[in-house]
Amino acid sequence: MRTRARRPDPHPDRRTHEAELSDADVLTIDGVRVTTVLRTALDVARWLPPAQSLPLLRALRDVGLDTGRAARAAASLHGGRGVRRARHVLAQVADERTTAGGVRAPGGAQARIAGSSAPRDPVIR
């Protein structure tokens, strides 16, 4: 269905946004079309404020969201509303995973491999 073809009734607890989805953004589960985890993460990151999106993105990460792929997908978006915010929050969630097997150091600190060549990764000193 093309965008603007259907408008749900207004409701104070609901905000809607329409978008055209590619076949890569949608899958069918038990006969119901749903967005992929990656597409859902991108939408959450774009349309919700960080205080709301970060816990949801962490939950998606914990059930299989590839945060690096999501951050790269957000980096490839250009010029749309919420893209800058999406890049920021997805990079933040991706950075919470460490390069040392995704295990956090005690006390919630992050462990990183010294001498990383990634441009945004800090080097341990």
C-alpha atoms as a PDB file:
ATOM      1  CA  MET A   1       0.000   0.000   0.000  1.00  0.00           C
ATOM      2  CA  ARG A   2       1.376   3.378  -0.904  1.00  0.00           C
ATOM      3  CA  THR A   3       1.839   6.048   1.756  1.00  0.00           C
ATOM      4  CA  ARG A   4      -0.999   8.448   2.548  1.00  0.00           C
ATOM      5  CA  ALA A   5      -3.535   5.868   1.382  1.00  0.00           C
ATOM      6  CA  ARG A   6      -4.828   5.168   4.881  1.00  0.00           C
ATOM      7  CA  ARG A   7      -4.900   7.311   7.994  1.00  0.00           C
ATOM      8  CA  PRO A   8      -5.716   5.707  11.353  1.00  0.00           C
ATOM      9  CA  ASP A   9      -8.145   7.527  13.613  1.00  0.00           C
ATOM     10  CA  PRO A  10      -6.479  10.059  15.919  1.00  0.00           C
ATOM     11  CA  HIS A  11      -5.760   8.931  19.453  1.00  0.00           C
ATOM     12  CA  PRO A  12      -3.874  10.810  22.211  1.00  0.00           C
ATOM     13  CA  ASP A  13      -1.749   7.732  23.069  1.00  0.00           C
ATOM     14  CA  ARG A  14      -0.699   7.041  19.500  1.00  0.00           C
ATOM     15  CA  ARG A  15       1.583   8.744  17.020  1.00  0.00           C
ATOM     16  CA  THR A  16       1.709   7.435  13.494  1.00  0.00           C
ATOM     17  CA  HIS A  17       4.227   7.718  10.741  1.00  0.00           C
ATOM     18  CA  GLU A  18       3.934   6.249   7.273  1.00  0.00           C
ATOM     19  CA  ALA A  19       6.824   4.996   5.212  1.00  0.00           C
ATOM     20  CA  GLU A  20       7.269   2.959   2.095  1.00  0.00           C
ATOM     21  CA  LEU A  21       9.054  -0.267   3.015  1.00  0.00           C
ATOM     22  CA  SER A  22      11.221  -2.395   0.785  1.00  0.00           C
ATOM     23  CA  ASP A  23      10.941  -6.178   0.792  1.00  0.00           C
ATOM     24  CA  ALA A  24      14.167  -6.246   2.823  1.00  0.00           C
ATOM     25  CA  ASP A  25      12.416  -4.292   5.625  1.00  0.00           C
ATOM     26  CA  VAL A  26       9.501  -6.696   6.056  1.00  0.00           C
ATOM     27  CA  LEU A  27       9.043 -10.346   6.934  1.00  0.00           C
ATOM     28  CA  THR A  28       6.017 -12.509   7.579  1.00  0.00           C
ATOM     29  CA  ILE A  29       5.559 -14.366  10.847  1.00  0.00           C
ATOM     30  CA  ASP A  30       2.539 -16.659  11.128  1.00  0.00           C
ATOM     31  CA  GLY A  31       0.838 -14.771   8.313  1.00  0.00           C
ATOM     32  CA  VAL A  32       1.435 -11.319   9.820  1.00  0.00           C
ATOM     33  CA  ARG A  33       3.701  -8.837   8.056  1.00  0.00           C
ATOM     34  CA  VAL A  34       6.106  -7.162  10.489  1.00  0.00           C
ATOM     35  CA  THR A  35       9.188  -5.027  10.129  1.00  0.00           C
ATOM     36  CA  THR A  36      12.573  -6.656  10.614  1.00  0.00           C
ATOM     37  CA  VAL A  37      14.507  -6.103  13.821  1.00  0.00           C
ATOM     38  CA  LEU A  38      16.905  -3.860  11.890  1.00  0.00           C
ATOM     39  CA  ARG A  39      14.123  -1.706  10.414  1.00  0.00           C
ATOM     40  CA  THR A  40      12.373  -1.502  13.791  1.00  0.00           C
ATOM     41  CA  ALA A  41      15.628  -0.359  15.425  1.00  0.00           C
ATOM     42  CA  LEU A  42      16.144   2.326  12.788  1.00  0.00           C
ATOM     43  CA  ASP A  43      12.588   3.606  13.256  1.00  0.00           C
ATOM     44  CA  VAL A  44      12.848   3.607  17.060  1.00  0.00           C
ATOM     45  CA  ALA A  45      16.180   5.430  16.857  1.00  0.00           C
ATOM     46  CA  ARG A  46      14.810   8.044  14.437  1.00  0.00           C
ATOM     47  CA  TRP A  47      11.424   8.804  15.925  1.00  0.00           C
ATOM     48  CA  LEU A  48      11.793   8.492  19.708  1.00  0.00           C
ATOM     49  CA  PRO A  49      13.835  10.693  22.025  1.00  0.00           C
ATOM     50  CA  PRO A  50      16.991   8.988  23.371  1.00  0.00           C
ATOM     51  CA  ALA A  51      15.504   8.531  26.854  1.00  0.00           C
ATOM     52  CA  GLN A  52      12.851   6.300  25.276  1.00  0.00           C
ATOM     53  CA  SER A  53      14.820   4.768  22.424  1.00  0.00           C
ATOM     54  CA  LEU A  54      17.944   3.641  24.288  1.00  0.00           C
ATOM     55  CA  PRO A  55      16.200   1.063  26.540  1.00  0.00           C
ATOM     56  CA  LEU A  56      14.259  -0.281  23.540  1.00  0.00           C
ATOM     57  CA  LEU A  57      17.391  -0.525  21.408  1.00  0.00           C
ATOM     58  CA  ARG A  58      19.223  -2.337  24.202  1.00  0.00           C
ATOM     59  CA  ALA A  59      16.336  -4.800  24.423  1.00  0.00           C
ATOM     60  CA  LEU A  60      16.496  -5.360  20.649  1.00  0.00           C
ATOM     61  CA  ARG A  61      20.258  -5.838  20.920  1.00  0.00           C
ATOM     62  CA  ASP A  62      19.731  -8.440  23.616  1.00  0.00           C
ATOM     63  CA  VAL A  63      17.461 -10.462  21.305  1.00  0.00           C
ATOM     64  CA  GLY A  64      19.749 -10.358  18.295  1.00  0.00           C
ATOM     65  CA  LEU A  65      19.977  -6.872  16.796  1.00  0.00           C
ATOM     66  CA  ASP A  66      23.368  -6.482  15.138  1.00  0.00           C
ATOM     67  CA  THR A  67      24.156  -3.044  16.538  1.00  0.00           C
ATOM     68  CA  GLY A  68      27.128  -2.524  14.251  1.00  0.00           C
ATOM     69  CA  ARG A  69      24.983  -3.212  11.200  1.00  0.00           C
ATOM     70  CA  ALA A  70      22.272  -0.898  12.551  1.00  0.00           C
ATOM     71  CA  ALA A  71      24.803   1.883  13.127  1.00  0.00           C
ATOM     72  CA  ARG A  72      26.140   1.420   9.577  1.00  0.00           C
ATOM     73  CA  ALA A  73      22.580   1.468   8.175  1.00  0.00           C
ATOM     74  CA  ALA A  74      21.882   4.721  10.042  1.00  0.00           C
ATOM     75  CA  ALA A  75      25.156   6.196   8.745  1.00  0.00           C
ATOM     76  CA  SER A  76      23.981   5.483   5.194  1.00  0.00           C
ATOM     77  CA  LEU A  77      20.771   7.501   5.647  1.00  0.00           C
ATOM     78  CA  HIS A  78      20.976  11.071   4.432  1.00  0.00           C
ATOM     79  CA  GLY A  79      18.828  14.127   4.909  1.00  0.00           C
ATOM     80  CA  GLY A  80      15.760  12.671   6.614  1.00  0.00           C
ATOM     81  CA  ARG A  81      14.176  13.701   9.887  1.00  0.00           C
ATOM     82  CA  GLY A  82      15.721  12.057  12.915  1.00  0.00           C
ATOM     83  CA  VAL A  83      18.708  10.637  11.046  1.00  0.00           C
ATOM     84  CA  ARG A  84      21.292  12.486  13.141  1.00  0.00           C
ATOM     85  CA  ARG A  85      19.603  11.296  16.348  1.00  0.00           C
ATOM     86  CA  ALA A  86      19.447   7.714  14.997  1.00  0.00           C
ATOM     87  CA  ARG A  87      23.144   7.757  14.179  1.00  0.00           C
ATOM     88  CA  HIS A  88      23.979   8.982  17.654  1.00  0.00           C
ATOM     89  CA  VAL A  89      21.855   6.551  19.677  1.00  0.00           C
ATOM     90  CA  LEU A  90      22.696   3.520  17.521  1.00  0.00           C
ATOM     91  CA  ALA A  91      26.401   4.310  17.792  1.00  0.00           C
ATOM     92  CA  GLN A  92      25.978   4.622  21.553  1.00  0.00           C
ATOM     93  CA  VAL A  93      24.265   1.222  21.832  1.00  0.00           C
ATOM     94  CA  ALA A  94      26.841  -0.347  19.493  1.00  0.00           C
ATOM     95  CA  ASP A  95      29.681   1.138  21.572  1.00  0.00           C
ATOM     96  CA  GLU A  96      28.253  -0.454  24.709  1.00  0.00           C
ATOM     97  CA  ARG A  97      29.273  -3.807  23.285  1.00  0.00           C
ATOM     98  CA  THR A  98      32.968  -4.327  23.670  1.00  0.00           C
ATOM     99  CA  THR A  99      35.400  -5.752  21.200  1.00  0.00           C
ATOM    100  CA  ALA A 100      36.332  -8.322  23.855  1.00  0.00           C
ATOM    101  CA  GLY A 101      33.448 -10.686  23.172  1.00  0.00           C
ATOM    102  CA  GLY A 102      30.671  -8.364  24.264  1.00  0.00           C
ATOM    103  CA  VAL A 103      31.498  -8.764  27.959  1.00  0.00           C
ATOM    104  CA  ARG A 104      31.423  -5.709  30.145  1.00  0.00           C
ATOM    105  CA  ALA A 105      33.987  -5.116  32.799  1.00  0.00           C
ATOM    106  CA  PRO A 106      32.868  -5.073  36.466  1.00  0.00           C
ATOM    107  CA  GLY A 107      30.935  -2.001  37.538  1.00  0.00           C
ATOM    108  CA  GLY A 108      29.526  -1.401  34.057  1.00  0.00           C
ATOM    109  CA  ALA A 109      32.811  -0.063  32.687  1.00  0.00           C
ATOM    110  CA  GLN A 110      33.641  -0.936  29.115  1.00  0.00           C
ATOM    111  CA  ALA A 111      36.736  -2.885  28.172  1.00  0.00           C
ATOM    112  CA  ARG A 112      38.403  -2.053  24.857  1.00  0.00           C
ATOM    113  CA  ILE A 113      41.345  -3.466  23.044  1.00  0.00           C
ATOM    114  CA  ALA A 114      44.275  -1.073  23.151  1.00  0.00           C
ATOM    115  CA  GLY A 115      45.412   0.268  19.808  1.00  0.00           C
ATOM    116  CA  SER A 116      42.109  -0.149  17.978  1.00  0.00           C
ATOM    117  CA  SER A 117      42.279   1.261  14.473  1.00  0.00           C
ATOM    118  CA  ALA A 118      38.579   2.164  14.430  1.00  0.00           C
ATOM    119  CA  PRO A 119      38.383   5.963  14.126  1.00  0.00           C
ATOM    120  CA  ARG A 120      35.860   6.438  16.933  1.00  0.00           C
ATOM    121  CA  ASP A 121      37.177   3.876  19.444  1.00  0.00           C
ATOM    122  CA  PRO A 122      39.222   5.360  22.269  1.00  0.00           C
ATOM    123  CA  VAL A 123      42.565   3.809  23.024  1.00  0.00           C
ATOM    124  CA  ILE A 124      43.150   2.527  26.563  1.00  0.00           C
ATOM    125  CA  ARG A 125      45.948   4.432  28.257  1.00  0.00           C
END
